[in-house]
PDB file of all heavy atoms in Angstrom:
ATOM      1  N   ILE A   1      -6.105  10.161  -9.737  1.00  0.00           N
ATOM      2  CA  ILE A   1      -6.667  11.334 -10.550  1.00  0.00           C
ATOM      3  C   ILE A   1      -6.782  12.541  -9.606  1.00  0.00           C
ATOM      4  O   ILE A   1      -7.379  12.459  -8.610  1.00  0.00           O
ATOM      5  CB  ILE A   1      -7.955  10.898 -11.234  1.00  0.00           C
ATOM      6  CG1 ILE A   1      -7.816   9.631 -12.070  1.00  0.00           C
ATOM      7  CG2 ILE A   1      -8.458  12.014 -12.052  1.00  0.00           C
ATOM      8  CD1 ILE A   1      -9.083   9.002 -12.472  1.00  0.00           C
ATOM      9  N   TYR A   2      -6.224  13.664 -10.102  1.00  0.00           N
ATOM     10  CA  TYR A   2      -6.312  14.973  -9.308  1.00  0.00           C
ATOM     11  C   TYR A   2      -7.055  15.912 -10.123  1.00  0.00           C
ATOM     12  O   TYR A   2      -6.918  15.970 -11.269  1.00  0.00           O
ATOM     13  CB  TYR A   2      -4.968  15.368  -8.942  1.00  0.00           C
ATOM     14  CG  TYR A   2      -4.135  14.344  -8.116  1.00  0.00           C
ATOM     15  CD1 TYR A   2      -3.391  13.351  -8.875  1.00  0.00           C
ATOM     16  CD2 TYR A   2      -4.329  14.263  -6.698  1.00  0.00           C
ATOM     17  CE1 TYR A   2      -2.694  12.395  -8.128  1.00  0.00           C
ATOM     18  CE2 TYR A   2      -3.556  13.312  -6.073  1.00  0.00           C
ATOM     19  CZ  TYR A   2      -2.774  12.406  -6.785  1.00  0.00           C
ATOM     20  OH  TYR A   2      -2.226  11.472  -6.034  1.00  0.00           O
ATOM     21  N   GLY A   3      -7.820  16.787  -9.430  1.00  0.00           N
ATOM     22  CA  GLY A   3      -8.437  17.991  -9.979  1.00  0.00           C
ATOM     23  C   GLY A   3     -10.052  17.939  -9.578  1.00  0.00           C
ATOM     24  O   GLY A   3     -10.358  17.320  -8.708  1.00  0.00           O
ATOM     25  N   ASN A   4     -10.696  18.683 -10.340  1.00  0.00           N
ATOM     26  CA  ASN A   4     -12.119  18.845 -10.030  1.00  0.00           C
ATOM     27  C   ASN A   4     -12.839  17.763 -10.830  1.00  0.00           C
ATOM     28  O   ASN A   4     -13.295  17.901 -12.025  1.00  0.00           O
ATOM     29  CB  ASN A   4     -12.613  20.139 -10.409  1.00  0.00           C
ATOM     30  CG  ASN A   4     -14.093  20.426 -10.106  1.00  0.00           C
ATOM     31  OD1 ASN A   4     -14.763  19.669  -9.339  1.00  0.00           O
ATOM     32  ND2 ASN A   4     -14.681  21.506 -10.585  1.00  0.00           N
ATOM     33  N   VAL A   5     -12.824  16.561 -10.254  1.00  0.00           N
ATOM     34  CA  VAL A   5     -13.302  15.291 -11.077  1.00  0.00           C
ATOM     35  C   VAL A   5     -14.293  14.595 -10.227  1.00  0.00           C
ATOM     36  O   VAL A   5     -14.059  14.373  -9.124  1.00  0.00           O
ATOM     37  CB  VAL A   5     -12.107  14.474 -11.246  1.00  0.00           C
ATOM     38  CG1 VAL A   5     -12.564  13.142 -12.018  1.00  0.00           C
ATOM     39  CG2 VAL A   5     -11.083  15.034 -12.107  1.00  0.00           C
ATOM     40  N   ASP A   6     -15.398  14.268 -10.707  1.00  0.00           N
ATOM     41  CA  ASP A   6     -16.511  13.605 -10.119  1.00  0.00           C
ATOM     42  C   ASP A   6     -16.018  12.148  -9.874  1.00  0.00           C
ATOM     43  O   ASP A   6     -15.700  11.457 -10.857  1.00  0.00           O
ATOM     44  CB  ASP A   6     -17.656  13.600 -10.952  1.00  0.00           C
ATOM     45  CG  ASP A   6     -18.996  12.810 -10.335  1.00  0.00           C
ATOM     46  OD1 ASP A   6     -18.750  11.867  -9.683  1.00  0.00           O
ATOM     47  OD2 ASP A   6     -20.092  13.131 -10.657  1.00  0.00           O
ATOM     48  N   PRO A   7     -16.000  11.646  -8.621  1.00  0.00           N
ATOM     49  CA  PRO A   7     -15.538  10.356  -8.377  1.00  0.00           C
ATOM     50  C   PRO A   7     -16.183   9.213  -9.107  1.00  0.00           C
ATOM     51  O   PRO A   7     -15.642   8.295  -9.591  1.00  0.00           O
ATOM     52  CB  PRO A   7     -15.551  10.154  -6.825  1.00  0.00           C
ATOM     53  CG  PRO A   7     -15.527  11.607  -6.309  1.00  0.00           C
ATOM     54  CD  PRO A   7     -16.266  12.419  -7.349  1.00  0.00           C
ATOM     55  N   ALA A   8     -17.519   9.395  -9.142  1.00  0.00           N
ATOM     56  CA  ALA A   8     -18.371   8.384  -9.993  1.00  0.00           C
ATOM     57  C   ALA A   8     -17.868   8.318 -11.433  1.00  0.00           C
ATOM     58  O   ALA A   8     -17.808   7.287 -11.948  1.00  0.00           O
ATOM     59  CB  ALA A   8     -19.782   8.577  -9.759  1.00  0.00           C
ATOM     60  N   LYS A   9     -17.642   9.378 -11.982  1.00  0.00           N
ATOM     61  CA  LYS A   9     -17.244   9.488 -13.381  1.00  0.00           C
ATOM     62  C   LYS A   9     -15.787   8.837 -13.499  1.00  0.00           C
ATOM     63  O   LYS A   9     -15.608   8.172 -14.486  1.00  0.00           O
ATOM     64  CB  LYS A   9     -17.186  10.968 -13.909  1.00  0.00           C
ATOM     65  CG  LYS A   9     -18.671  11.434 -14.105  1.00  0.00           C
ATOM     66  CD  LYS A   9     -18.795  12.764 -14.688  1.00  0.00           C
ATOM     67  CE  LYS A   9     -20.262  13.109 -14.976  1.00  0.00           C
ATOM     68  NZ  LYS A   9     -20.327  14.479 -15.582  1.00  0.00           N
ATOM     69  N   ALA A  10     -14.979   9.142 -12.548  1.00  0.00           N
ATOM     70  CA  ALA A  10     -13.673   8.632 -12.637  1.00  0.00           C
ATOM     71  C   ALA A  10     -13.678   7.109 -12.575  1.00  0.00           C
ATOM     72  O   ALA A  10     -12.899   6.340 -13.298  1.00  0.00           O
ATOM     73  CB  ALA A  10     -12.810   9.150 -11.465  1.00  0.00           C
ATOM     74  N   GLN A  11     -14.522   6.608 -11.694  1.00  0.00           N
ATOM     75  CA  GLN A  11     -14.655   5.085 -11.503  1.00  0.00           C
ATOM     76  C   GLN A  11     -15.148   4.470 -12.721  1.00  0.00           C
ATOM     77  O   GLN A  11     -14.722   3.441 -13.226  1.00  0.00           O
ATOM     78  CB  GLN A  11     -15.632   4.778 -10.432  1.00  0.00           C
ATOM     79  CG  GLN A  11     -15.711   3.281 -10.141  1.00  0.00           C
ATOM     80  CD  GLN A  11     -14.494   2.605  -9.774  1.00  0.00           C
ATOM     81  OE1 GLN A  11     -13.818   2.963  -8.691  1.00  0.00           O
ATOM     82  NE2 GLN A  11     -14.217   1.472 -10.315  1.00  0.00           N
ATOM     83  N   ARG A  12     -16.124   5.131 -13.415  1.00  0.00           N
ATOM     84  CA  ARG A  12     -16.885   4.561 -14.538  1.00  0.00           C
ATOM     85  C   ARG A  12     -15.686   4.606 -15.722  1.00  0.00           C
ATOM     86  O   ARG A  12     -15.656   3.669 -16.482  1.00  0.00           O
ATOM     87  CB  ARG A  12     -18.039   5.528 -14.918  1.00  0.00           C
ATOM     88  CG  ARG A  12     -18.653   4.940 -16.242  1.00  0.00           C
ATOM     89  CD  ARG A  12     -19.381   3.661 -16.079  1.00  0.00           C
ATOM     90  NE  ARG A  12     -19.994   3.325 -17.294  1.00  0.00           N
ATOM     91  CZ  ARG A  12     -20.132   2.070 -17.792  1.00  0.00           C
ATOM     92  NH1 ARG A  12     -19.637   1.075 -17.171  1.00  0.00           N
ATOM     93  NH2 ARG A  12     -20.827   1.845 -18.945  1.00  0.00           N
ATOM     94  N   ALA A  13     -14.947   5.622 -15.772  1.00  0.00           N
ATOM     95  CA  ALA A  13     -13.854   5.796 -16.887  1.00  0.00           C
ATOM     96  C   ALA A  13     -12.904   4.614 -16.689  1.00  0.00           C
ATOM     97  O   ALA A  13     -12.573   3.906 -17.643  1.00  0.00           O
ATOM     98  CB  ALA A  13     -13.220   7.090 -16.834  1.00  0.00           C
ATOM     99  N   ALA A  14     -12.515   4.258 -15.430  1.00  0.00           N
ATOM    100  CA  ALA A  14     -11.560   3.177 -15.167  1.00  0.00           C
ATOM    101  C   ALA A  14     -12.155   1.777 -15.534  1.00  0.00           C
ATOM    102  O   ALA A  14     -11.645   1.025 -16.076  1.00  0.00           O
ATOM    103  CB  ALA A  14     -11.067   3.225 -13.745  1.00  0.00           C
ATOM    104  N   ASP A  15     -13.563   1.662 -15.185  1.00  0.00           N
ATOM    105  CA  ASP A  15     -14.275   0.512 -15.473  1.00  0.00           C
ATOM    106  C   ASP A  15     -14.218   0.256 -16.941  1.00  0.00           C
ATOM    107  O   ASP A  15     -14.045  -0.791 -17.450  1.00  0.00           O
ATOM    108  CB  ASP A  15     -15.688   0.480 -15.104  1.00  0.00           C
ATOM    109  CG  ASP A  15     -15.832   0.486 -13.415  1.00  0.00           C
ATOM    110  OD1 ASP A  15     -14.937   0.193 -12.790  1.00  0.00           O
ATOM    111  OD2 ASP A  15     -16.893   0.925 -12.973  1.00  0.00           O
ATOM    112  N   LEU A  16     -14.651   1.325 -17.697  1.00  0.00           N
ATOM    113  CA  LEU A  16     -14.720   1.245 -19.133  1.00  0.00           C
ATOM    114  C   LEU A  16     -13.333   0.829 -19.706  1.00  0.00           C
ATOM    115  O   LEU A  16     -13.197   0.005 -20.723  1.00  0.00           O
ATOM    116  CB  LEU A  16     -15.238   2.399 -19.762  1.00  0.00           C
ATOM    117  CG  LEU A  16     -16.727   2.663 -19.580  1.00  0.00           C
ATOM    118  CD1 LEU A  16     -17.079   4.100 -20.064  1.00  0.00           C
ATOM    119  CD2 LEU A  16     -17.516   1.692 -20.369  1.00  0.00           C
ATOM    120  N   SER A  17     -12.332   1.345 -19.294  1.00  0.00           N
ATOM    121  CA  SER A  17     -10.977   1.099 -19.869  1.00  0.00           C
ATOM    122  C   SER A  17     -10.529  -0.229 -19.459  1.00  0.00           C
ATOM    123  O   SER A  17     -10.229  -0.977 -20.452  1.00  0.00           O
ATOM    124  CB  SER A  17      -9.878   2.064 -19.096  1.00  0.00           C
ATOM    125  OG  SER A  17      -8.600   1.742 -19.663  1.00  0.00           O
ATOM    126  N   ILE A  18     -10.577  -0.713 -18.164  1.00  0.00           N
ATOM    127  CA  ILE A  18     -10.074  -1.950 -17.944  1.00  0.00           C
ATOM    128  C   ILE A  18     -10.899  -3.100 -18.439  1.00  0.00           C
ATOM    129  O   ILE A  18     -10.382  -4.186 -18.938  1.00  0.00           O
ATOM    130  CB  ILE A  18      -9.782  -2.078 -16.451  1.00  0.00           C
ATOM    131  CG1 ILE A  18      -8.765  -1.176 -15.910  1.00  0.00           C
ATOM    132  CG2 ILE A  18      -9.440  -3.566 -16.115  1.00  0.00           C
ATOM    133  CD1 ILE A  18      -7.380  -1.436 -16.363  1.00  0.00           C
ATOM    134  N   GLU A  19     -12.210  -2.918 -18.493  1.00  0.00           N
ATOM    135  CA  GLU A  19     -13.148  -4.039 -18.941  1.00  0.00           C
ATOM    136  C   GLU A  19     -13.553  -4.034 -20.341  1.00  0.00           C
ATOM    137  O   GLU A  19     -14.001  -4.972 -20.840  1.00  0.00           O
ATOM    138  CB  GLU A  19     -14.340  -3.986 -18.063  1.00  0.00           C
ATOM    139  CG  GLU A  19     -14.219  -4.031 -16.451  1.00  0.00           C
ATOM    140  CD  GLU A  19     -13.498  -5.314 -16.102  1.00  0.00           C
ATOM    141  OE1 GLU A  19     -13.674  -6.322 -16.720  1.00  0.00           O
ATOM    142  OE2 GLU A  19     -12.800  -5.259 -14.989  1.00  0.00           O
ATOM    143  N   LYS A  20     -13.341  -2.867 -21.029  1.00  0.00           N
ATOM    144  CA  LYS A  20     -13.921  -2.810 -22.360  1.00  0.00           C
ATOM    145  C   LYS A  20     -12.845  -2.309 -23.394  1.00  0.00           C
ATOM    146  O   LYS A  20     -12.670  -2.972 -24.465  1.00  0.00           O
ATOM    147  CB  LYS A  20     -15.067  -1.988 -22.316  1.00  0.00           C
ATOM    148  CG  LYS A  20     -15.822  -1.804 -23.768  1.00  0.00           C
ATOM    149  CD  LYS A  20     -17.070  -1.054 -23.686  1.00  0.00           C
ATOM    150  CE  LYS A  20     -17.701  -1.088 -25.041  1.00  0.00           C
ATOM    151  NZ  LYS A  20     -19.017  -0.222 -24.994  1.00  0.00           N
ATOM    152  N   TYR A  21     -12.263  -1.133 -23.226  1.00  0.00           N
ATOM    153  CA  TYR A  21     -11.431  -0.509 -24.331  1.00  0.00           C
ATOM    154  C   TYR A  21     -10.038  -0.894 -24.362  1.00  0.00           C
ATOM    155  O   TYR A  21      -9.403  -0.900 -25.424  1.00  0.00           O
ATOM    156  CB  TYR A  21     -11.688   1.038 -24.226  1.00  0.00           C
ATOM    157  CG  TYR A  21     -13.056   1.493 -24.386  1.00  0.00           C
ATOM    158  CD1 TYR A  21     -13.641   2.369 -23.450  1.00  0.00           C
ATOM    159  CD2 TYR A  21     -13.669   1.225 -25.516  1.00  0.00           C
ATOM    160  CE1 TYR A  21     -14.970   2.791 -23.630  1.00  0.00           C
ATOM    161  CE2 TYR A  21     -15.023   1.703 -25.788  1.00  0.00           C
ATOM    162  CZ  TYR A  21     -15.568   2.409 -24.735  1.00  0.00           C
ATOM    163  OH  TYR A  21     -16.811   2.888 -24.990  1.00  0.00           O
ATOM    164  N   CYS A  22      -9.301  -1.069 -23.214  1.00  0.00           N
ATOM    165  CA  CYS A  22      -7.866  -1.317 -23.277  1.00  0.00           C
ATOM    166  C   CYS A  22      -7.444  -2.589 -23.836  1.00  0.00           C
ATOM    167  O   CYS A  22      -7.602  -3.746 -23.236  1.00  0.00           O
ATOM    168  CB  CYS A  22      -7.290  -1.128 -21.815  1.00  0.00           C
ATOM    169  SG  CYS A  22      -5.432  -1.327 -21.738  1.00  0.00           S
ATOM    170  N   SER A  23      -6.852  -2.563 -24.937  1.00  0.00           N
ATOM    171  CA  SER A  23      -6.475  -3.860 -25.618  1.00  0.00           C
ATOM    172  C   SER A  23      -5.429  -4.540 -24.857  1.00  0.00           C
ATOM    173  O   SER A  23      -5.315  -5.798 -24.838  1.00  0.00           O
ATOM    174  CB  SER A  23      -5.980  -3.479 -27.029  1.00  0.00           C
ATOM    175  OG  SER A  23      -7.016  -2.958 -27.744  1.00  0.00           O
ATOM    176  N   VAL A  24      -4.472  -3.777 -24.169  1.00  0.00           N
ATOM    177  CA  VAL A  24      -3.481  -4.444 -23.364  1.00  0.00           C
ATOM    178  C   VAL A  24      -4.168  -5.179 -22.221  1.00  0.00           C
ATOM    179  O   VAL A  24      -3.704  -6.376 -21.908  1.00  0.00           O
ATOM    180  CB  VAL A  24      -2.483  -3.422 -22.840  1.00  0.00           C
ATOM    181  CG1 VAL A  24      -1.348  -4.165 -22.111  1.00  0.00           C
ATOM    182  CG2 VAL A  24      -1.835  -2.687 -24.088  1.00  0.00           C
ATOM    183  N   ALA A  25      -5.101  -4.653 -21.589  1.00  0.00           N
ATOM    184  CA  ALA A  25      -5.761  -5.456 -20.450  1.00  0.00           C
ATOM    185  C   ALA A  25      -6.389  -6.709 -20.944  1.00  0.00           C
ATOM    186  O   ALA A  25      -6.277  -7.741 -20.380  1.00  0.00           O
ATOM    187  CB  ALA A  25      -6.824  -4.416 -19.802  1.00  0.00           C
ATOM    188  N   ALA A  26      -7.053  -6.585 -22.154  1.00  0.00           N
ATOM    189  CA  ALA A  26      -7.712  -7.673 -22.704  1.00  0.00           C
ATOM    190  C   ALA A  26      -6.627  -8.778 -23.203  1.00  0.00           C
ATOM    191  O   ALA A  26      -6.969 -10.045 -22.855  1.00  0.00           O
ATOM    192  CB  ALA A  26      -8.499  -7.330 -23.989  1.00  0.00           C
ATOM    193  N   THR A  27      -5.509  -8.365 -23.649  1.00  0.00           N
ATOM    194  CA  THR A  27      -4.536  -9.358 -23.907  1.00  0.00           C
ATOM    195  C   THR A  27      -4.017 -10.045 -22.666  1.00  0.00           C
ATOM    196  O   THR A  27      -3.770 -11.340 -22.645  1.00  0.00           O
ATOM    197  CB  THR A  27      -3.319  -8.613 -24.626  1.00  0.00           C
ATOM    198  OG1 THR A  27      -3.825  -8.023 -25.850  1.00  0.00           O
ATOM    199  CG2 THR A  27      -2.161  -9.559 -24.972  1.00  0.00           C
ATOM    200  N   LEU A  28      -3.755  -9.297 -21.676  1.00  0.00           N
ATOM    201  CA  LEU A  28      -3.204  -9.825 -20.352  1.00  0.00           C
ATOM    202  C   LEU A  28      -4.301 -10.699 -19.749  1.00  0.00           C
ATOM    203  O   LEU A  28      -3.938 -11.909 -19.277  1.00  0.00           O
ATOM    204  CB  LEU A  28      -2.840  -8.856 -19.372  1.00  0.00           C
ATOM    205  CG  LEU A  28      -1.541  -8.008 -19.759  1.00  0.00           C
ATOM    206  CD1 LEU A  28      -1.486  -6.783 -18.920  1.00  0.00           C
ATOM    207  CD2 LEU A  28      -0.340  -8.923 -19.473  1.00  0.00           C
ATOM    208  N   ARG A  29      -5.558 -10.443 -19.858  1.00  0.00           N
ATOM    209  CA  ARG A  29      -6.629 -11.289 -19.200  1.00  0.00           C
ATOM    210  C   ARG A  29      -6.725 -12.574 -20.161  1.00  0.00           C
ATOM    211  O   ARG A  29      -6.957 -13.664 -19.559  1.00  0.00           O
ATOM    212  CB  ARG A  29      -7.985 -10.560 -19.251  1.00  0.00           C
ATOM    213  CG  ARG A  29      -8.226  -9.789 -17.992  1.00  0.00           C
ATOM    214  CD  ARG A  29      -9.590  -9.363 -17.800  1.00  0.00           C
ATOM    215  NE  ARG A  29     -10.275  -8.755 -18.997  1.00  0.00           N
ATOM    216  CZ  ARG A  29     -10.160  -7.475 -19.347  1.00  0.00           C
ATOM    217  NH1 ARG A  29      -9.555  -6.718 -18.576  1.00  0.00           N
ATOM    218  NH2 ARG A  29     -10.678  -6.987 -20.510  1.00  0.00           N
ATOM    219  N   ALA A  30      -6.525 -12.449 -21.510  1.00  0.00           N
ATOM    220  CA  ALA A  30      -6.566 -13.738 -22.267  1.00  0.00           C
ATOM    221  C   ALA A  30      -5.469 -14.577 -21.990  1.00  0.00           C
ATOM    222  O   ALA A  30      -5.578 -15.865 -22.182  1.00  0.00           O
ATOM    223  CB  ALA A  30      -6.550 -13.244 -23.813  1.00  0.00           C
ATOM    224  N   ALA A  31      -4.349 -13.999 -21.352  1.00  0.00           N
ATOM    225  CA  ALA A  31      -3.274 -14.877 -21.072  1.00  0.00           C
ATOM    226  C   ALA A  31      -3.396 -15.394 -19.596  1.00  0.00           C
ATOM    227  O   ALA A  31      -2.499 -16.092 -19.088  1.00  0.00           O
ATOM    228  CB  ALA A  31      -1.931 -14.083 -21.302  1.00  0.00           C
ATOM    229  N   GLY A  32      -4.519 -15.157 -19.006  1.00  0.00           N
ATOM    230  CA  GLY A  32      -4.712 -15.708 -17.643  1.00  0.00           C
ATOM    231  C   GLY A  32      -4.511 -14.707 -16.495  1.00  0.00           C
ATOM    232  O   GLY A  32      -4.648 -15.151 -15.333  1.00  0.00           O
ATOM    233  N   ALA A  33      -4.136 -13.427 -16.679  1.00  0.00           N
ATOM    234  CA  ALA A  33      -4.001 -12.592 -15.632  1.00  0.00           C
ATOM    235  C   ALA A  33      -5.160 -12.088 -14.951  1.00  0.00           C
ATOM    236  O   ALA A  33      -6.169 -11.900 -15.713  1.00  0.00           O
ATOM    237  CB  ALA A  33      -3.166 -11.308 -16.091  1.00  0.00           C
ATOM    238  N   ASN A  34      -5.193 -11.963 -13.616  1.00  0.00           N
ATOM    239  CA  ASN A  34      -6.304 -11.466 -12.888  1.00  0.00           C
ATOM    240  C   ASN A  34      -5.914  -9.905 -12.779  1.00  0.00           C
ATOM    241  O   ASN A  34      -4.922  -9.662 -12.025  1.00  0.00           O
ATOM    242  CB  ASN A  34      -6.363 -12.075 -11.670  1.00  0.00           C
ATOM    243  CG  ASN A  34      -7.437 -11.474 -10.761  1.00  0.00           C
ATOM    244  OD1 ASN A  34      -8.556 -11.061 -11.231  1.00  0.00           O
ATOM    245  ND2 ASN A  34      -7.175 -11.479  -9.497  1.00  0.00           N
ATOM    246  N   ILE A  35      -6.747  -8.960 -13.251  1.00  0.00           N
ATOM    247  CA  ILE A  35      -6.410  -7.666 -13.067  1.00  0.00           C
ATOM    248  C   ILE A  35      -7.447  -6.983 -12.065  1.00  0.00           C
ATOM    249  O   ILE A  35      -8.652  -7.061 -12.331  1.00  0.00           O
ATOM    250  CB  ILE A  35      -6.576  -6.766 -14.440  1.00  0.00           C
ATOM    251  CG1 ILE A  35      -5.546  -7.468 -15.408  1.00  0.00           C
ATOM    252  CG2 ILE A  35      -6.222  -5.384 -14.199  1.00  0.00           C
ATOM    253  CD1 ILE A  35      -5.637  -6.880 -16.787  1.00  0.00           C
ATOM    254  N   GLN A  36      -6.943  -6.425 -10.966  1.00  0.00           N
ATOM    255  CA  GLN A  36      -7.735  -5.738  -9.982  1.00  0.00           C
ATOM    256  C   GLN A  36      -7.401  -4.185 -10.093  1.00  0.00           C
ATOM    257  O   GLN A  36      -6.153  -3.949 -10.348  1.00  0.00           O
ATOM    258  CB  GLN A  36      -7.612  -6.318  -8.614  1.00  0.00           C
ATOM    259  CG  GLN A  36      -7.947  -7.647  -8.506  1.00  0.00           C
ATOM    260  CD  GLN A  36      -7.819  -8.275  -7.037  1.00  0.00           C
ATOM    261  OE1 GLN A  36      -7.519  -7.423  -6.168  1.00  0.00           O
ATOM    262  NE2 GLN A  36      -7.891  -9.454  -6.945  1.00  0.00           N
ATOM    263  N   TYR A  37      -8.260  -3.432  -9.657  1.00  0.00           N
ATOM    264  CA  TYR A  37      -7.893  -1.929  -9.847  1.00  0.00           C
ATOM    265  C   TYR A  37      -8.756  -1.188  -8.872  1.00  0.00           C
ATOM    266  O   TYR A  37      -9.819  -1.643  -8.442  1.00  0.00           O
ATOM    267  CB  TYR A  37      -8.208  -1.459 -11.240  1.00  0.00           C
ATOM    268  CG  TYR A  37      -9.553  -1.607 -11.829  1.00  0.00           C
ATOM    269  CD1 TYR A  37     -10.448  -0.540 -11.787  1.00  0.00           C
ATOM    270  CD2 TYR A  37      -9.898  -2.816 -12.353  1.00  0.00           C
ATOM    271  CE1 TYR A  37     -11.696  -0.676 -12.386  1.00  0.00           C
ATOM    272  CE2 TYR A  37     -11.178  -3.029 -12.906  1.00  0.00           C
ATOM    273  CZ  TYR A  37     -11.934  -1.908 -12.921  1.00  0.00           C
ATOM    274  OH  TYR A  37     -13.303  -2.042 -13.416  1.00  0.00           O
ATOM    275  N   LYS A  38      -8.135  -0.068  -8.436  1.00  0.00           N
ATOM    276  CA  LYS A  38      -8.926   0.909  -7.622  1.00  0.00           C
ATOM    277  C   LYS A  38      -8.597   2.342  -8.163  1.00  0.00           C
ATOM    278  O   LYS A  38      -7.584   2.636  -8.728  1.00  0.00           O
ATOM    279  CB  LYS A  38      -8.562   0.733  -6.161  1.00  0.00           C
ATOM    280  CG  LYS A  38      -7.191   1.089  -5.707  1.00  0.00           C
ATOM    281  CD  LYS A  38      -6.973   0.894  -4.246  1.00  0.00           C
ATOM    282  CE  LYS A  38      -5.515   1.147  -3.792  1.00  0.00           C
ATOM    283  NZ  LYS A  38      -5.323   0.972  -2.418  1.00  0.00           N
ATOM    284  N   VAL A  39      -9.578   3.199  -7.868  1.00  0.00           N
ATOM    285  CA  VAL A  39      -9.646   4.599  -8.240  1.00  0.00           C
ATOM    286  C   VAL A  39      -9.430   5.542  -7.098  1.00  0.00           C
ATOM    287  O   VAL A  39     -10.206   5.307  -6.104  1.00  0.00           O
ATOM    288  CB  VAL A  39     -10.768   5.014  -9.113  1.00  0.00           C
ATOM    289  CG1 VAL A  39     -10.861   6.430  -9.500  1.00  0.00           C
ATOM    290  CG2 VAL A  39     -10.913   4.037 -10.380  1.00  0.00           C
ATOM    291  N   LEU A  40      -8.498   6.493  -7.043  1.00  0.00           N
ATOM    292  CA  LEU A  40      -8.302   7.479  -6.036  1.00  0.00           C
ATOM    293  C   LEU A  40      -8.419   8.857  -6.708  1.00  0.00           C
ATOM    294  O   LEU A  40      -7.810   9.104  -7.676  1.00  0.00           O
ATOM    295  CB  LEU A  40      -7.088   7.351  -5.243  1.00  0.00           C
ATOM    296  CG  LEU A  40      -6.912   6.054  -4.516  1.00  0.00           C
ATOM    297  CD1 LEU A  40      -5.988   5.013  -5.382  1.00  0.00           C
ATOM    298  CD2 LEU A  40      -6.145   6.342  -3.209  1.00  0.00           C
ATOM    299  N   VAL A  41      -9.379   9.606  -6.254  1.00  0.00           N
ATOM    300  CA  VAL A  41      -9.545  11.049  -6.771  1.00  0.00           C
ATOM    301  C   VAL A  41      -9.122  11.947  -5.720  1.00  0.00           C
ATOM    302  O   VAL A  41      -9.605  11.874  -4.526  1.00  0.00           O
ATOM    303  CB  VAL A  41     -11.055  11.314  -7.205  1.00  0.00           C
ATOM    304  CG1 VAL A  41     -11.236  12.785  -7.507  1.00  0.00           C
ATOM    305  CG2 VAL A  41     -11.460  10.352  -8.375  1.00  0.00           C
ATOM    306  N   ASN A  42      -8.095  12.785  -5.858  1.00  0.00           N
ATOM    307  CA  ASN A  42      -7.547  13.630  -4.899  1.00  0.00           C
ATOM    308  C   ASN A  42      -7.174  12.848  -3.605  1.00  0.00           C
ATOM    309  O   ASN A  42      -7.359  13.310  -2.538  1.00  0.00           O
ATOM    310  CB  ASN A  42      -8.398  14.891  -4.627  1.00  0.00           C
ATOM    311  CG  ASN A  42      -8.758  15.641  -5.880  1.00  0.00           C
ATOM    312  OD1 ASN A  42      -7.764  16.006  -6.544  1.00  0.00           O
ATOM    313  ND2 ASN A  42      -9.970  15.885  -6.047  1.00  0.00           N
ATOM    314  N   ASP A  43      -6.539  11.707  -3.855  1.00  0.00           N
ATOM    315  CA  ASP A  43      -5.974  10.783  -2.850  1.00  0.00           C
ATOM    316  C   ASP A  43      -7.121  10.169  -1.949  1.00  0.00           C
ATOM    317  O   ASP A  43      -6.854   9.559  -1.000  1.00  0.00           O
ATOM    318  CB  ASP A  43      -5.033  11.478  -1.925  1.00  0.00           C
ATOM    319  CG  ASP A  43      -3.631  11.815  -2.720  1.00  0.00           C
ATOM    320  OD1 ASP A  43      -3.393  10.955  -3.596  1.00  0.00           O
ATOM    321  OD2 ASP A  43      -3.078  12.737  -2.416  1.00  0.00           O
ATOM    322  N   ASN A  44      -8.351  10.233  -2.361  1.00  0.00           N
ATOM    323  CA  ASN A  44      -9.433   9.608  -1.617  1.00  0.00           C
ATOM    324  C   ASN A  44      -9.888   8.424  -2.473  1.00  0.00           C
ATOM    325  O   ASN A  44     -10.317   8.549  -3.661  1.00  0.00           O
ATOM    326  CB  ASN A  44     -10.628  10.548  -1.477  1.00  0.00           C
ATOM    327  CG  ASN A  44     -10.315  11.702  -0.561  1.00  0.00           C
ATOM    328  OD1 ASN A  44      -9.728  11.615   0.490  1.00  0.00           O
ATOM    329  ND2 ASN A  44     -10.531  12.924  -1.026  1.00  0.00           N
TER     330      ASN A  44
END
């Protein structure tokens, strides 16, 4: 993610997506996939 973005807000947005909102992530987890993720803001 690039721009004037608060890193904590970016991390929280990714957490909410992968763990709560994204139906594709939920479908893959239900099939046994282990999903790991990391957030980089302005390459940090």
